Protein backbone atom coordinates (compact mmCIF):
# COMPACT_ATOMS: atom_id res chain seq x y z
CA MET A 1 129.03 97.87 -2.29
CA HIS A 2 129.77 99.78 0.82
CA ILE A 3 132.58 101.60 -0.22
CA ILE A 4 130.14 103.20 -2.72
CA PHE A 5 127.54 104.27 0.11
CA LYS A 6 130.75 105.66 2.37
CA LYS A 7 131.93 107.61 -0.78
CA ILE A 8 128.66 108.79 -1.88
CA PRO A 9 126.80 109.67 1.32
CA PHE A 10 123.19 110.80 -0.28
CA LEU A 11 123.09 107.14 -1.90
CA ILE A 12 122.44 105.98 1.90
CA LYS A 13 118.66 106.88 2.12
CA LEU A 14 118.44 104.66 -1.44
CA ARG A 15 120.38 101.66 0.28
CA PRO A 16 117.80 99.08 0.74
CA TYR A 17 116.26 99.72 -2.98
CA ILE A 18 119.65 99.26 -4.47
CA ILE A 19 120.49 96.44 -2.75
CA ASP A 20 117.20 94.86 -3.59
CA VAL A 21 117.59 95.76 -7.48
CA PHE A 22 121.90 94.26 -6.94
CA CYS A 23 120.31 91.10 -5.57
CA LEU A 24 117.66 90.69 -8.70
CA LEU A 25 120.03 91.42 -11.31
CA THR A 26 122.82 88.78 -9.60
CA GLU A 27 120.57 86.06 -8.39
CA TYR A 28 120.67 84.25 -11.58
CA ASN A 29 124.56 84.01 -10.91
CA ASN A 30 123.57 83.13 -7.02
CA TYR A 31 121.44 79.93 -8.00
CA LYS A 32 124.52 78.68 -10.67
CA LYS A 33 127.03 78.50 -7.72
CA THR A 34 124.59 77.17 -5.00
CA GLY A 35 122.79 75.25 -6.92
CA ILE A 36 119.80 76.17 -5.20
CA ASP A 37 116.17 74.93 -7.57
CA LEU A 38 114.46 78.15 -7.89
CA LYS A 39 111.37 76.18 -9.17
CA LEU A 40 111.25 74.69 -5.57
CA PHE A 41 110.62 78.03 -3.92
CA LYS A 42 108.18 79.07 -6.39
CA ASN A 43 105.96 76.34 -5.40
CA TYR A 44 106.56 76.80 -2.03
CA PHE A 45 106.06 81.12 -1.93
CA CYS A 46 105.19 82.52 -5.15
CA ASN A 47 102.22 84.44 -4.31
CA LYS A 48 101.55 83.37 -0.87
CA ILE A 49 101.29 85.26 2.45
CA GLY A 50 104.15 84.50 5.08
CA LEU A 51 105.47 85.53 8.72
CA GLU A 52 108.98 86.03 9.40
CA ILE A 53 110.34 85.63 13.26
CA GLY A 54 113.00 88.49 13.90
CA GLY A 55 114.47 90.03 10.68
CA PRO A 56 114.60 91.27 8.16
CA SER A 57 117.17 89.18 6.93
CA TRP A 58 119.33 89.12 3.93
CA ILE A 59 119.36 85.83 3.24
CA TRP A 60 115.59 85.81 1.95
CA ARG A 61 116.38 89.06 -0.14
CA SER A 62 119.34 87.45 -2.08
CA ASP A 63 120.43 83.71 -2.21
CA ILE A 64 116.82 82.36 -1.00
CA PRO A 65 114.55 84.99 -2.70
CA VAL A 66 111.17 84.77 -0.34
CA TYR A 67 110.79 88.32 -0.31
CA ARG A 68 110.53 88.58 -4.00
CA LEU A 69 108.38 85.54 -4.41
CA ALA A 70 106.04 86.11 -1.33
CA LYS A 71 102.57 88.26 -2.00
CA LYS A 72 103.28 89.53 1.47
CA ILE A 73 105.15 89.19 4.47
CA ASP A 74 104.40 90.31 8.00
CA ASN A 75 106.94 90.10 10.85
CA PHE A 76 107.04 89.60 14.36
CA ASN A 77 110.05 91.11 16.81
CA ILE A 78 110.12 90.67 20.61
CA SER A 79 111.14 94.55 21.18
CA GLU A 80 111.40 97.71 18.97
CA GLU A 81 115.07 97.63 19.08
CA THR A 82 117.36 94.36 19.43
CA ILE A 83 120.84 94.25 20.32
CA PHE A 84 121.45 93.82 16.38
CA ASN A 85 120.97 97.15 15.93
CA GLN A 86 117.51 96.73 14.12
CA LYS A 87 114.45 98.98 15.00
CA SER A 88 111.04 98.19 14.42
CA ILE A 89 107.60 100.14 14.80
CA SER A 90 104.25 98.19 15.22
CA GLY A 91 101.45 98.66 12.81
CA ILE A 92 100.01 98.00 9.75
CA ASN A 93 102.69 98.29 6.34
CA ASN A 94 105.36 98.93 9.03
CA PHE A 95 107.39 95.97 7.85
CA LYS A 96 109.42 97.21 4.55
CA TYR A 97 111.37 94.09 3.32
CA TRP A 98 111.92 94.17 -0.66
CA LEU A 99 111.60 97.27 -2.96
CA PHE A 100 108.05 98.84 -2.58
CA LYS A 101 106.55 95.60 -0.81
CA LYS A 102 105.14 96.05 2.79
CA GLY A 103 103.87 94.19 5.98
CA ASP A 104 102.40 94.35 9.02
CA GLN A 105 104.73 94.58 11.89
CA TYR A 106 103.58 92.72 15.28
CA ILE A 107 105.69 93.72 18.53
CA SER A 108 105.09 92.00 21.58
CA PHE A 109 106.94 90.66 24.71
CA ASN A 110 104.07 87.86 25.82
CA GLY A 111 104.31 85.71 22.84
CA PHE A 112 101.99 85.78 19.54
CA ASN A 113 98.61 86.62 21.47
CA CYS A 114 98.85 90.17 18.60
CA LEU A 115 98.49 87.51 15.55
CA SER A 116 95.56 86.31 14.63
CA GLN A 117 95.64 85.17 10.76
CA LYS A 118 97.05 81.76 9.32
CA TYR A 119 99.72 82.01 7.05
CA ASP A 120 101.10 79.81 4.04
CA PHE A 121 104.53 79.86 5.29
CA ILE A 122 107.12 81.01 8.46
CA ILE A 123 110.34 81.92 7.90
CA LEU A 124 113.18 82.04 10.85
CA LYS A 125 116.85 83.14 10.38
CA ASP A 126 118.98 82.60 13.62
CA VAL A 127 116.29 82.93 15.84
CA LEU A 128 115.80 79.17 17.16
CA GLU A 129 119.27 78.94 18.58
CA HIS A 130 118.34 81.34 20.96
CA ILE A 131 115.05 79.80 22.34
CA ALA A 132 115.31 77.97 25.26
CA ASN A 133 112.94 75.69 24.28
CA PRO A 134 112.42 75.19 20.99
CA ILE A 135 110.07 71.98 20.52
CA LYS A 136 107.67 74.26 22.30
CA PHE A 137 108.04 77.19 20.68
CA LEU A 138 107.65 75.26 17.25
CA ILE A 139 104.46 73.95 18.74
CA GLU A 140 103.55 77.29 19.27
CA LEU A 141 104.24 78.70 15.39
CA ARG A 142 101.95 76.00 14.21
CA ASN A 143 99.35 77.84 15.32
CA TYR A 144 99.92 80.58 13.08
CA LEU A 145 100.20 78.27 9.97
CA LYS A 146 97.51 76.61 7.61
CA LYS A 147 97.51 73.27 7.11
CA ASP A 148 100.16 71.92 5.14
CA SER A 149 102.03 74.94 5.36
CA ILE A 150 105.87 75.47 4.93
CA ILE A 151 108.28 76.59 7.98
CA VAL A 152 112.02 77.51 6.95
CA VAL A 153 114.48 77.22 9.61
CA SER A 154 118.24 78.67 9.47
CA VAL A 155 120.41 78.69 12.09
CA PRO A 156 124.25 78.78 12.39
CA ASN A 157 126.60 76.60 11.46
CA LYS A 158 128.90 76.30 14.39
CA PHE A 159 132.33 75.61 12.56
CA THR A 160 131.80 79.10 11.08
CA SER A 161 130.42 80.63 14.46
CA PHE A 162 131.99 81.87 17.79
CA ASP A 163 130.15 78.81 18.96
CA TYR A 164 132.65 76.42 17.13
CA ALA A 165 134.21 75.24 20.20
CA ARG A 166 131.08 74.52 21.97
CA PRO A 167 129.55 71.15 21.47
CA PHE A 168 126.37 70.10 19.63
CA THR A 169 123.34 70.12 21.67
CA THR A 170 121.95 66.66 21.89
CA MET A 171 118.62 65.51 20.85
CA SER A 172 117.98 64.56 24.21
CA HIS A 173 118.79 67.35 25.53
CA ILE A 174 116.13 69.56 23.57
CA ILE A 175 113.71 66.90 24.09
CA LEU A 176 114.15 67.20 28.34
CA ASP A 177 113.89 70.85 28.04
CA TYR A 178 110.04 70.22 26.41
CA LEU A 179 109.57 67.46 29.27
CA ASN A 180 110.67 70.09 31.59
CA ASP A 181 108.92 73.12 30.46
CA VAL A 182 112.08 75.13 30.21
CA ASP A 183 111.34 78.89 29.93
CA GLU A 184 113.27 81.46 28.79
CA SER A 185 114.77 82.53 32.16
CA ASP A 186 116.88 79.08 31.64
CA THR A 187 120.46 79.68 32.93
CA THR A 188 121.65 76.14 31.96
CA HIS A 189 124.14 77.00 29.13
CA TYR A 190 125.40 80.16 30.94
CA GLU A 191 128.64 78.75 32.02
CA GLU A 192 129.34 76.85 29.12
CA ALA A 193 129.03 79.62 26.77
CA SER A 194 131.03 82.03 28.87
CA LEU A 195 134.14 79.65 28.74
CA LEU A 196 133.86 78.43 25.06
CA ILE A 197 132.64 81.12 22.74
CA HIS A 198 135.64 82.30 20.64
CA ASP A 199 136.29 85.63 19.98
CA CYS A 200 137.70 84.97 16.52
CA PHE A 201 134.26 85.55 14.51
CA LYS A 202 133.77 89.45 15.36
CA PRO A 203 131.35 88.71 17.65
CA ASP A 204 128.90 91.35 19.19
CA TYR A 205 131.00 92.17 22.05
CA ASP A 206 134.03 94.35 23.07
CA ASP A 207 135.50 92.44 25.41
CA ARG A 208 135.37 88.71 27.73
CA SER A 209 133.75 91.00 30.72
CA ARG A 210 131.41 92.58 28.20
CA LEU A 211 130.30 89.25 26.92
CA HIS A 212 129.71 87.51 30.18
CA GLU A 213 127.29 90.94 31.37
CA LYS A 214 125.29 90.20 27.85
CA ILE A 215 125.09 86.42 28.67
CA LYS A 216 124.02 86.92 32.20
CA ASP A 217 121.42 89.62 31.33
CA ASN A 218 120.10 87.21 28.31
CA LEU A 219 116.55 87.27 29.16
CA ASN A 220 116.47 90.97 27.99
CA THR A 221 119.50 91.12 25.60
CA ARG A 222 118.65 87.16 24.20
CA PHE A 223 122.31 87.44 22.74
CA LEU A 224 122.66 84.02 23.94
CA HIS A 225 122.86 80.69 21.73
CA HIS A 226 121.16 78.45 24.22
CA HIS A 227 121.50 75.30 21.77
CA VAL A 228 124.34 74.47 19.05
CA PHE A 229 122.27 72.81 16.33
CA SER A 230 123.84 70.14 14.22
CA SER A 231 121.71 69.23 10.84
CA ASP A 232 120.27 66.13 12.57
CA THR A 233 119.34 67.81 15.81
CA LEU A 234 117.68 70.91 13.55
CA CYS A 235 115.57 67.74 11.91
CA GLY A 236 114.79 66.09 14.82
CA THR A 237 113.36 69.40 16.75
CA LEU A 238 111.53 70.22 13.83
CA SER A 239 109.91 66.35 13.53
CA HIS A 240 109.22 66.53 17.47
CA SER A 241 107.25 69.67 16.78
CA GLY A 242 105.06 68.39 14.18
CA PHE A 243 106.76 69.21 11.01
CA ARG A 244 108.04 66.79 8.20
CA VAL A 245 111.29 67.73 6.88
CA LEU A 246 111.04 67.98 2.92
CA ASN A 247 114.38 69.78 2.23
CA ILE A 248 117.81 70.38 3.83
CA ILE A 249 120.04 73.19 2.39
CA ASN A 250 123.83 73.41 2.28
CA TYR A 251 124.18 76.28 0.15
CA ASN A 252 127.14 77.94 1.78
CA SER A 253 129.19 77.04 4.95
CA ASN A 254 127.33 79.25 7.58
CA GLU A 255 124.08 78.32 7.70
CA LEU A 256 122.37 75.16 8.14
CA ILE A 257 118.54 75.56 6.71
CA VAL A 258 115.95 73.24 6.47
CA ILE A 259 112.54 73.09 4.78
CA ALA A 260 109.58 71.44 6.57
CA VAL A 261 105.89 71.19 6.63
CA LYS A 262 103.29 71.15 9.10
CA TYR A 263 101.25 67.97 9.25
CA ASN A 264 98.31 67.13 10.99
CA ASP A 265 99.36 65.41 14.54
CA THR A 266 96.59 65.07 17.00
CA HIS A 267 99.01 63.98 19.54
CA LEU A 268 101.33 67.16 19.83
CA LYS A 269 99.41 68.21 22.80
CA LEU A 270 100.89 65.33 24.49
CA LYS A 271 104.62 65.42 25.47
CA PRO A 272 107.14 63.23 23.78
CA SER A 273 107.26 59.48 25.87
CA TYR A 274 109.57 58.22 27.70
CA ASP A 275 110.32 55.65 24.85
CA ASP A 276 111.09 57.90 22.52
CA LEU A 277 113.60 59.76 24.80
CA VAL A 278 115.63 56.72 25.23
CA LYS A 279 116.12 56.09 21.76
CA TYR A 280 118.72 59.02 22.13
CA ILE A 281 120.01 58.18 25.57
CA TYR A 282 121.25 54.76 25.20
């Protein structure tokens, strides 16, 4: 498809619509190949209002058709322009995510103060691994979800990413980050990432020196993967954040995807107990 756009330049303006139509026409075959149950997603997203953190993301357009099924999706990004070359402009109906569907675009460096409404679902694609304190982050997201609402978290599979030589983050480490109230300036993983990130998967840097610069400036670039998730650790992180895991989707080798539901937990304001922590240490 990219070759067609190069040969016929005037089609570039129509590119988003052409891709969406192509995804719509081919999605049935996608479900047959991946084994994804479309009825399941209709229950979760059809005619619902949601929020995407980061993005827009290809996966919600094609393989898991959240964009098509949802009534409306708003978007939150930390800045107007990211290192992944995605530009956003804050405002009503400025998030164009599927054919002629539009949502509201929120941009802030100071958390989610700008959001006031409650959503039926939240979706995150390749976001959680960039967060230094994922439990704290997910607990905050609960504030923007209605009762019994859904969160869908997709993180990279380390074996098909430049993190493949790095060790999986342990559950005890993630809980300790929460107990110690770690913030986004945390440098714990800088040295490990600098040494073990591998070049073979076409990462977003030109050479190793540029990689080190991006990691050192991570508070601004948000390039670093603080955590390398296994499916068990991802599920455990959601569970400790007040979500009950409903489905684990292994639809391809590149992503780990978990669907979880927010449940009412009156104890979430308390930090996990020492007894919870030692289960993972010993």
